[in-house]
Amino acid sequence: RAIRTVEGLAAPDGTLNPLQRAFWENHGL
């Protein structure tokens, strides 16, 4: 089966996806 984990969210070059970027910019952690 196909599994996606948090490690698979960013682009291969490390660019954050919109959700990751929003967590960073809005202090979601």
Full PDB file with SEQRES, HELIX, SHEET, SSBOND, CRYST1, ORIGX, SCALE, CONECT and MASTER records, all heavy atoms in Angstrom:
SEQRES   1 A   29  ARG ALA ILE ARG THR VAL GLU GLY LEU ALA ALA PRO ASP          
SEQRES   2 A   29  GLY THR LEU ASN PRO LEU GLN ARG ALA PHE TRP GLU ASN          
SEQRES   3 A   29  HIS GLY LEU                                                  
HELIX    1 AA1 VAL A    6  GLY A    8  5                                   3    
HELIX    2 AA2 PRO A   18  GLU A   25  1                                   8    
CRYST1    1.000    1.000    1.000  90.00  90.00  90.00 P 1           1          
ORIGX1      1.000000  0.000000  0.000000        0.00000                         
ORIGX2      0.000000  1.000000  0.000000        0.00000                         
ORIGX3      0.000000  0.000000  1.000000        0.00000                         
SCALE1      1.000000  0.000000  0.000000        0.00000                         
SCALE2      0.000000  1.000000  0.000000        0.00000                         
SCALE3      0.000000  0.000000  1.000000        0.00000                         
ATOM      1  N   ARG A   1       0.836  -1.197   0.000  1.00  0.00           N  
ATOM      2  CA  ARG A   1       0.000   0.000   0.000  1.00  0.00           C  
ATOM      3  C   ARG A   1       0.875   1.252   0.000  1.00  0.00           C  
ATOM      4  O   ARG A   1       2.056   1.207   0.331  1.00  0.00           O  
ATOM      5  CB  ARG A   1      -0.929  -0.025   1.211  1.00  0.00           C  
ATOM      6  CG  ARG A   1      -1.897  -1.223   1.101  1.00  0.00           C  
ATOM      7  CD  ARG A   1      -2.779  -1.383   2.272  1.00  0.00           C  
ATOM      8  NE  ARG A   1      -3.825  -0.358   2.272  1.00  0.00           N  
ATOM      9  CZ  ARG A   1      -4.677  -0.219   3.281  1.00  0.00           C  
ATOM     10  NH1 ARG A   1      -4.632  -1.009   4.334  1.00  0.00           N  
ATOM     11  NH2 ARG A   1      -5.602   0.721   3.223  1.00  0.00           N  
ATOM     12  N   ALA A   2       0.271   2.380  -0.357  1.00  0.00           N  
ATOM     13  CA  ALA A   2       0.983   3.661  -0.432  1.00  0.00           C  
ATOM     14  C   ALA A   2       0.806   4.423   0.873  1.00  0.00           C  
ATOM     15  O   ALA A   2      -0.311   4.610   1.348  1.00  0.00           O  
ATOM     16  CB  ALA A   2       0.458   4.490  -1.592  1.00  0.00           C  
ATOM     17  N   ILE A   3       1.909   4.868   1.430  1.00  0.00           N  
ATOM     18  CA  ILE A   3       1.917   5.590   2.699  1.00  0.00           C  
ATOM     19  C   ILE A   3       2.584   6.942   2.480  1.00  0.00           C  
ATOM     20  O   ILE A   3       3.604   7.033   1.798  1.00  0.00           O  
ATOM     21  CB  ILE A   3       2.708   4.805   3.770  1.00  0.00           C  
ATOM     22  CG1 ILE A   3       2.090   3.421   3.952  1.00  0.00           C  
ATOM     23  CG2 ILE A   3       2.770   5.566   5.082  1.00  0.00           C  
ATOM     24  CD1 ILE A   3       3.046   2.415   4.539  1.00  0.00           C  
ATOM     25  N   ARG A   4       1.979   7.977   3.041  1.00  0.00           N  
ATOM     26  CA  ARG A   4       2.609   9.299   3.048  1.00  0.00           C  
ATOM     27  C   ARG A   4       2.840   9.701   4.488  1.00  0.00           C  
ATOM     28  O   ARG A   4       1.941   9.607   5.324  1.00  0.00           O  
ATOM     29  CB  ARG A   4       1.737  10.339   2.346  1.00  0.00           C  
ATOM     30  CG  ARG A   4       1.785  10.189   0.832  1.00  0.00           C  
ATOM     31  CD  ARG A   4       0.825  11.095   0.111  1.00  0.00           C  
ATOM     32  NE  ARG A   4       1.040  12.507   0.380  1.00  0.00           N  
ATOM     33  CZ  ARG A   4       0.112  13.435   0.168  1.00  0.00           C  
ATOM     34  NH1 ARG A   4      -1.088  13.099  -0.299  1.00  0.00           N  
ATOM     35  NH2 ARG A   4       0.362  14.687   0.400  1.00  0.00           N  
ATOM     36  N   THR A   5       4.044  10.164   4.737  1.00  0.00           N  
ATOM     37  CA  THR A   5       4.401  10.646   6.065  1.00  0.00           C  
ATOM     38  C   THR A   5       4.787  12.115   5.957  1.00  0.00           C  
ATOM     39  O   THR A   5       4.906  12.666   4.858  1.00  0.00           O  
ATOM     40  CB  THR A   5       5.590   9.854   6.650  1.00  0.00           C  
ATOM     41  OG1 THR A   5       6.773  10.171   5.908  1.00  0.00           O  
ATOM     42  CG2 THR A   5       5.337   8.348   6.630  1.00  0.00           C  
ATOM     43  N   VAL A   6       5.017  12.726   7.091  1.00  0.00           N  
ATOM     44  CA  VAL A   6       5.382  14.143   7.109  1.00  0.00           C  
ATOM     45  C   VAL A   6       6.653  14.404   6.308  1.00  0.00           C  
ATOM     46  O   VAL A   6       6.805  15.475   5.718  1.00  0.00           O  
ATOM     47  CB  VAL A   6       5.493  14.651   8.568  1.00  0.00           C  
ATOM     48  CG1 VAL A   6       6.711  14.067   9.278  1.00  0.00           C  
ATOM     49  CG2 VAL A   6       5.456  16.162   8.620  1.00  0.00           C  
ATOM     50  N   GLU A   7       7.542  13.419   6.232  1.00  0.00           N  
ATOM     51  CA  GLU A   7       8.772  13.609   5.468  1.00  0.00           C  
ATOM     52  C   GLU A   7       8.492  13.788   3.977  1.00  0.00           C  
ATOM     53  O   GLU A   7       9.322  14.324   3.254  1.00  0.00           O  
ATOM     54  CB  GLU A   7       9.716  12.398   5.639  1.00  0.00           C  
ATOM     55  CG  GLU A   7      10.363  12.306   7.004  1.00  0.00           C  
ATOM     56  CD  GLU A   7       9.569  11.448   7.981  1.00  0.00           C  
ATOM     57  OE1 GLU A   7       8.391  11.125   7.700  1.00  0.00           O  
ATOM     58  OE2 GLU A   7      10.123  11.095   9.033  1.00  0.00           O  
ATOM     59  N   GLY A   8       7.326  13.351   3.519  1.00  0.00           N  
ATOM     60  CA  GLY A   8       6.990  13.444   2.109  1.00  0.00           C  
ATOM     61  C   GLY A   8       6.234  14.700   1.712  1.00  0.00           C  
ATOM     62  O   GLY A   8       5.836  14.831   0.554  1.00  0.00           O  
ATOM     63  N   LEU A   9       6.032  15.628   2.640  1.00  0.00           N  
ATOM     64  CA  LEU A   9       5.256  16.829   2.308  1.00  0.00           C  
ATOM     65  C   LEU A   9       6.055  17.885   1.555  1.00  0.00           C  
ATOM     66  O   LEU A   9       5.539  18.516   0.641  1.00  0.00           O  
ATOM     67  CB  LEU A   9       4.658  17.446   3.573  1.00  0.00           C  
ATOM     68  CG  LEU A   9       3.584  16.631   4.284  1.00  0.00           C  
ATOM     69  CD1 LEU A   9       3.058  17.393   5.493  1.00  0.00           C  
ATOM     70  CD2 LEU A   9       2.454  16.264   3.337  1.00  0.00           C  
ATOM     71  N   ALA A  10       7.291  18.106   1.929  1.00  0.00           N  
ATOM     72  CA  ALA A  10       8.099  19.135   1.272  1.00  0.00           C  
ATOM     73  C   ALA A  10       8.531  18.664  -0.104  1.00  0.00           C  
ATOM     74  O   ALA A  10       8.565  17.462  -0.391  1.00  0.00           O  
ATOM     75  CB  ALA A  10       9.325  19.463   2.125  1.00  0.00           C  
ATOM     76  N   ALA A  11       8.868  19.599  -0.959  1.00  0.00           N  
ATOM     77  CA  ALA A  11       9.389  19.274  -2.283  1.00  0.00           C  
ATOM     78  C   ALA A  11      10.764  18.607  -2.121  1.00  0.00           C  
ATOM     79  O   ALA A  11      11.424  18.784  -1.095  1.00  0.00           O  
ATOM     80  CB  ALA A  11       9.510  20.550  -3.112  1.00  0.00           C  
ATOM     81  N   PRO A  12      11.211  17.858  -3.129  1.00  0.00           N  
ATOM     82  CA  PRO A  12      12.521  17.198  -3.038  1.00  0.00           C  
ATOM     83  C   PRO A  12      13.675  18.152  -2.736  1.00  0.00           C  
ATOM     84  O   PRO A  12      14.650  17.764  -2.103  1.00  0.00           O  
ATOM     85  CB  PRO A  12      12.694  16.544  -4.417  1.00  0.00           C  
ATOM     86  CG  PRO A  12      11.298  16.309  -4.888  1.00  0.00           C  
ATOM     87  CD  PRO A  12      10.497  17.475  -4.350  1.00  0.00           C  
ATOM     88  N   ASP A  13      13.543  19.408  -3.150  1.00  0.00           N  
ATOM     89  CA  ASP A  13      14.616  20.377  -2.866  1.00  0.00           C  
ATOM     90  C   ASP A  13      14.493  20.998  -1.474  1.00  0.00           C  
ATOM     91  O   ASP A  13      15.262  21.873  -1.108  1.00  0.00           O  
ATOM     92  CB  ASP A  13      14.649  21.469  -3.936  1.00  0.00           C  
ATOM     93  CG  ASP A  13      13.437  22.389  -3.897  1.00  0.00           C  
ATOM     94  OD1 ASP A  13      12.529  22.190  -3.067  1.00  0.00           O  
ATOM     95  OD2 ASP A  13      13.400  23.332  -4.722  1.00  0.00           O  
ATOM     96  N   GLY A  14      13.493  20.546  -0.699  1.00  0.00           N  
ATOM     97  CA  GLY A  14      13.318  21.046   0.660  1.00  0.00           C  
ATOM     98  C   GLY A  14      12.354  22.207   0.791  1.00  0.00           C  
ATOM     99  O   GLY A  14      12.095  22.673   1.900  1.00  0.00           O  
ATOM    100  N   THR A  15      11.819  22.684  -0.327  1.00  0.00           N  
ATOM    101  CA  THR A  15      10.853  23.776  -0.282  1.00  0.00           C  
ATOM    102  C   THR A  15       9.600  23.307   0.442  1.00  0.00           C  
ATOM    103  O   THR A  15       9.034  22.264   0.113  1.00  0.00           O  
ATOM    104  CB  THR A  15      10.482  24.235  -1.713  1.00  0.00           C  
ATOM    105  OG1 THR A  15      11.668  24.631  -2.388  1.00  0.00           O  
ATOM    106  CG2 THR A  15       9.493  25.387  -1.671  1.00  0.00           C  
ATOM    107  N   LEU A  16       9.177  24.078   1.432  1.00  0.00           N  
ATOM    108  CA  LEU A  16       7.991  23.709   2.202  1.00  0.00           C  
ATOM    109  C   LEU A  16       6.739  23.836   1.354  1.00  0.00           C  
ATOM    110  O   LEU A  16       6.632  24.733   0.515  1.00  0.00           O  
ATOM    111  CB  LEU A  16       7.862  24.607   3.432  1.00  0.00           C  
ATOM    112  CG  LEU A  16       9.010  24.559   4.434  1.00  0.00           C  
ATOM    113  CD1 LEU A  16       8.723  25.521   5.592  1.00  0.00           C  
ATOM    114  CD2 LEU A  16       9.258  23.158   4.946  1.00  0.00           C  
ATOM    115  N   ASN A  17       5.779  22.947   1.584  1.00  0.00           N  
ATOM    116  CA  ASN A  17       4.506  23.081   0.892  1.00  0.00           C  
ATOM    117  C   ASN A  17       3.678  24.170   1.588  1.00  0.00           C  
ATOM    118  O   ASN A  17       4.073  24.662   2.653  1.00  0.00           O  
ATOM    119  CB  ASN A  17       3.778  21.728   0.777  1.00  0.00           C  
ATOM    120  CG  ASN A  17       3.105  21.264   2.046  1.00  0.00           C  
ATOM    121  OD1 ASN A  17       2.969  21.992   3.031  1.00  0.00           O  
ATOM    122  ND2 ASN A  17       2.663  20.023   2.044  1.00  0.00           N  
ATOM    123  N   PRO A  18       2.551  24.598   1.016  1.00  0.00           N  
ATOM    124  CA  PRO A  18       1.787  25.699   1.610  1.00  0.00           C  
ATOM    125  C   PRO A  18       1.370  25.454   3.063  1.00  0.00           C  
ATOM    126  O   PRO A  18       1.377  26.382   3.873  1.00  0.00           O  
ATOM    127  CB  PRO A  18       0.564  25.818   0.700  1.00  0.00           C  
ATOM    128  CG  PRO A  18       1.045  25.337  -0.625  1.00  0.00           C  
ATOM    129  CD  PRO A  18       2.003  24.210  -0.301  1.00  0.00           C  
ATOM    130  N   LEU A  19       1.032  24.227   3.402  1.00  0.00           N  
ATOM    131  CA  LEU A  19       0.620  23.930   4.775  1.00  0.00           C  
ATOM    132  C   LEU A  19       1.799  24.039   5.733  1.00  0.00           C  
ATOM    133  O   LEU A  19       1.692  24.667   6.794  1.00  0.00           O  
ATOM    134  CB  LEU A  19      -0.014  22.540   4.843  1.00  0.00           C  
ATOM    135  CG  LEU A  19      -0.562  22.111   6.194  1.00  0.00           C  
ATOM    136  CD1 LEU A  19      -1.658  23.068   6.675  1.00  0.00           C  
ATOM    137  CD2 LEU A  19      -1.099  20.690   6.108  1.00  0.00           C  
ATOM    138  N   GLN A  20       2.921  23.468   5.372  1.00  0.00           N  
ATOM    139  CA  GLN A  20       4.110  23.575   6.219  1.00  0.00           C  
ATOM    140  C   GLN A  20       4.522  25.031   6.393  1.00  0.00           C  
ATOM    141  O   GLN A  20       4.867  25.464   7.501  1.00  0.00           O  
ATOM    142  CB  GLN A  20       5.269  22.785   5.611  1.00  0.00           C  
ATOM    143  CG  GLN A  20       5.085  21.295   5.632  1.00  0.00           C  
ATOM    144  CD  GLN A  20       6.167  20.603   4.835  1.00  0.00           C  
ATOM    145  OE1 GLN A  20       6.344  20.872   3.650  1.00  0.00           O  
ATOM    146  NE2 GLN A  20       6.886  19.714   5.489  1.00  0.00           N  
ATOM    147  N   ARG A  21       4.494  25.772   5.292  1.00  0.00           N  
ATOM    148  CA  ARG A  21       4.858  27.195   5.342  1.00  0.00           C  
ATOM    149  C   ARG A  21       3.903  27.963   6.246  1.00  0.00           C  
ATOM    150  O   ARG A  21       4.316  28.816   7.037  1.00  0.00           O  
ATOM    151  CB  ARG A  21       4.878  27.770   3.920  1.00  0.00           C  
ATOM    152  CG  ARG A  21       5.558  29.096   3.813  1.00  0.00           C  
ATOM    153  CD  ARG A  21       5.752  29.569   2.370  1.00  0.00           C  
ATOM    154  NE  ARG A  21       4.525  29.568   1.585  1.00  0.00           N  
ATOM    155  CZ  ARG A  21       4.229  28.672   0.646  1.00  0.00           C  
ATOM    156  NH1 ARG A  21       5.067  27.692   0.369  1.00  0.00           N  
ATOM    157  NH2 ARG A  21       3.098  28.749  -0.025  1.00  0.00           N  
ATOM    158  N   ALA A  22       2.603  27.632   6.172  1.00  0.00           N  
ATOM    159  CA  ALA A  22       1.614  28.312   7.018  1.00  0.00           C  
ATOM    160  C   ALA A  22       1.853  28.001   8.496  1.00  0.00           C  
ATOM    161  O   ALA A  22       1.691  28.885   9.341  1.00  0.00           O  
ATOM    162  CB  ALA A  22       0.203  27.916   6.601  1.00  0.00           C  
ATOM    163  N   PHE A  23       2.238  26.777   8.816  1.00  0.00           N  
ATOM    164  CA  PHE A  23       2.567  26.442  10.210  1.00  0.00           C  
ATOM    165  C   PHE A  23       3.751  27.273  10.671  1.00  0.00           C  
ATOM    166  O   PHE A  23       3.761  27.788  11.790  1.00  0.00           O  
ATOM    167  CB  PHE A  23       2.870  24.946  10.357  1.00  0.00           C  
ATOM    168  CG  PHE A  23       1.697  24.131  10.830  1.00  0.00           C  
ATOM    169  CD1 PHE A  23       0.612  23.904  10.001  1.00  0.00           C  
ATOM    170  CD2 PHE A  23       1.677  23.581  12.097  1.00  0.00           C  
ATOM    171  CE1 PHE A  23      -0.467  23.158  10.411  1.00  0.00           C  
ATOM    172  CE2 PHE A  23       0.598  22.836  12.530  1.00  0.00           C  
ATOM    173  CZ  PHE A  23      -0.479  22.618  11.694  1.00  0.00           C  
ATOM    174  N   TRP A  24       4.749  27.419   9.817  1.00  0.00           N  
ATOM    175  CA  TRP A  24       5.941  28.205  10.147  1.00  0.00           C  
ATOM    176  C   TRP A  24       5.568  29.686  10.340  1.00  0.00           C  
ATOM    177  O   TRP A  24       5.918  30.293  11.351  1.00  0.00           O  
ATOM    178  CB  TRP A  24       6.963  28.047   9.026  1.00  0.00           C  
ATOM    179  CG  TRP A  24       8.187  28.887   9.190  1.00  0.00           C  
ATOM    180  CD1 TRP A  24       8.384  30.152   8.718  1.00  0.00           C  
ATOM    181  CD2 TRP A  24       9.374  28.534   9.881  1.00  0.00           C  
ATOM    182  NE1 TRP A  24       9.617  30.607   9.071  1.00  0.00           N  
ATOM    183  CE2 TRP A  24      10.258  29.633   9.791  1.00  0.00           C  
ATOM    184  CE3 TRP A  24       9.788  27.402  10.570  1.00  0.00           C  
ATOM    185  CZ2 TRP A  24      11.524  29.613  10.351  1.00  0.00           C  
ATOM    186  CZ3 TRP A  24      11.061  27.397  11.125  1.00  0.00           C  
ATOM    187  CH2 TRP A  24      11.899  28.487  11.018  1.00  0.00           C  
ATOM    188  N   GLU A  25       4.865  30.239   9.386  1.00  0.00           N  
ATOM    189  CA  GLU A  25       4.550  31.667   9.409  1.00  0.00           C  
ATOM    190  C   GLU A  25       3.556  32.044  10.494  1.00  0.00           C  
ATOM    191  O   GLU A  25       3.558  33.183  10.965  1.00  0.00           O  
ATOM    192  CB  GLU A  25       4.005  32.099   8.045  1.00  0.00           C  
ATOM    193  CG  GLU A  25       5.049  32.048   6.949  1.00  0.00           C  
ATOM    194  CD  GLU A  25       4.484  32.224   5.548  1.00  0.00           C  
ATOM    195  OE1 GLU A  25       3.228  32.275   5.397  1.00  0.00           O  
ATOM    196  OE2 GLU A  25       5.296  32.304   4.602  1.00  0.00           O  
ATOM    197  N   ASN A  26       2.685  31.117  10.893  1.00  0.00           N  
ATOM    198  CA  ASN A  26       1.650  31.416  11.888  1.00  0.00           C  
ATOM    199  C   ASN A  26       1.926  30.794  13.250  1.00  0.00           C  
ATOM    200  O   ASN A  26       1.031  30.719  14.080  1.00  0.00           O  
ATOM    201  CB  ASN A  26       0.285  30.953  11.358  1.00  0.00           C  
ATOM    202  CG  ASN A  26      -0.151  31.761  10.172  1.00  0.00           C  
ATOM    203  OD1 ASN A  26      -0.598  32.886  10.317  1.00  0.00           O  
ATOM    204  ND2 ASN A  26      -0.004  31.203   8.978  1.00  0.00           N  
ATOM    205  N   HIS A  27       3.145  30.359  13.451  1.00  0.00           N  
ATOM    206  CA  HIS A  27       3.561  29.797  14.747  1.00  0.00           C  
ATOM    207  C   HIS A  27       2.629  28.673  15.185  1.00  0.00           C  
ATOM    208  O   HIS A  27       2.182  28.632  16.326  1.00  0.00           O  
ATOM    209  CB  HIS A  27       3.656  30.902  15.808  1.00  0.00           C  
ATOM    210  CG  HIS A  27       4.433  32.081  15.357  1.00  0.00           C  
ATOM    211  ND1 HIS A  27       5.799  32.077  15.249  1.00  0.00           N  
ATOM    212  CD2 HIS A  27       4.016  33.303  14.927  1.00  0.00           C  
ATOM    213  CE1 HIS A  27       6.213  33.248  14.789  1.00  0.00           C  
ATOM    214  NE2 HIS A  27       5.160  34.016  14.583  1.00  0.00           N  
ATOM    215  N   GLY A  28       2.359  27.739  14.266  1.00  0.00           N  
ATOM    216  CA  GLY A  28       1.442  26.641  14.538  1.00  0.00           C  
ATOM    217  C   GLY A  28       2.070  25.494  15.301  1.00  0.00           C  
ATOM    218  O   GLY A  28       1.527  24.404  15.325  1.00  0.00           O  
ATOM    219  N   LEU A  29       3.213  25.742  15.914  1.00  0.00           N  
ATOM    220  CA  LEU A  29       3.855  24.697  16.703  1.00  0.00           C  
ATOM    221  C   LEU A  29       4.634  25.335  17.839  1.00  0.00           C  
ATOM    222  O   LEU A  29       5.006  26.497  17.775  1.00  0.00           O  
ATOM    223  CB  LEU A  29       4.795  23.848  15.835  1.00  0.00           C  
ATOM    224  CG  LEU A  29       5.903  24.622  15.122  1.00  0.00           C  
ATOM    225  CD1 LEU A  29       7.231  24.407  15.796  1.00  0.00           C  
ATOM    226  CD2 LEU A  29       5.948  24.205  13.675  1.00  0.00           C  
TER     227      LEU A  29                                                      
MASTER        0    0    0    2    0    0    0    6  226    1    0    3          
END                                                                             
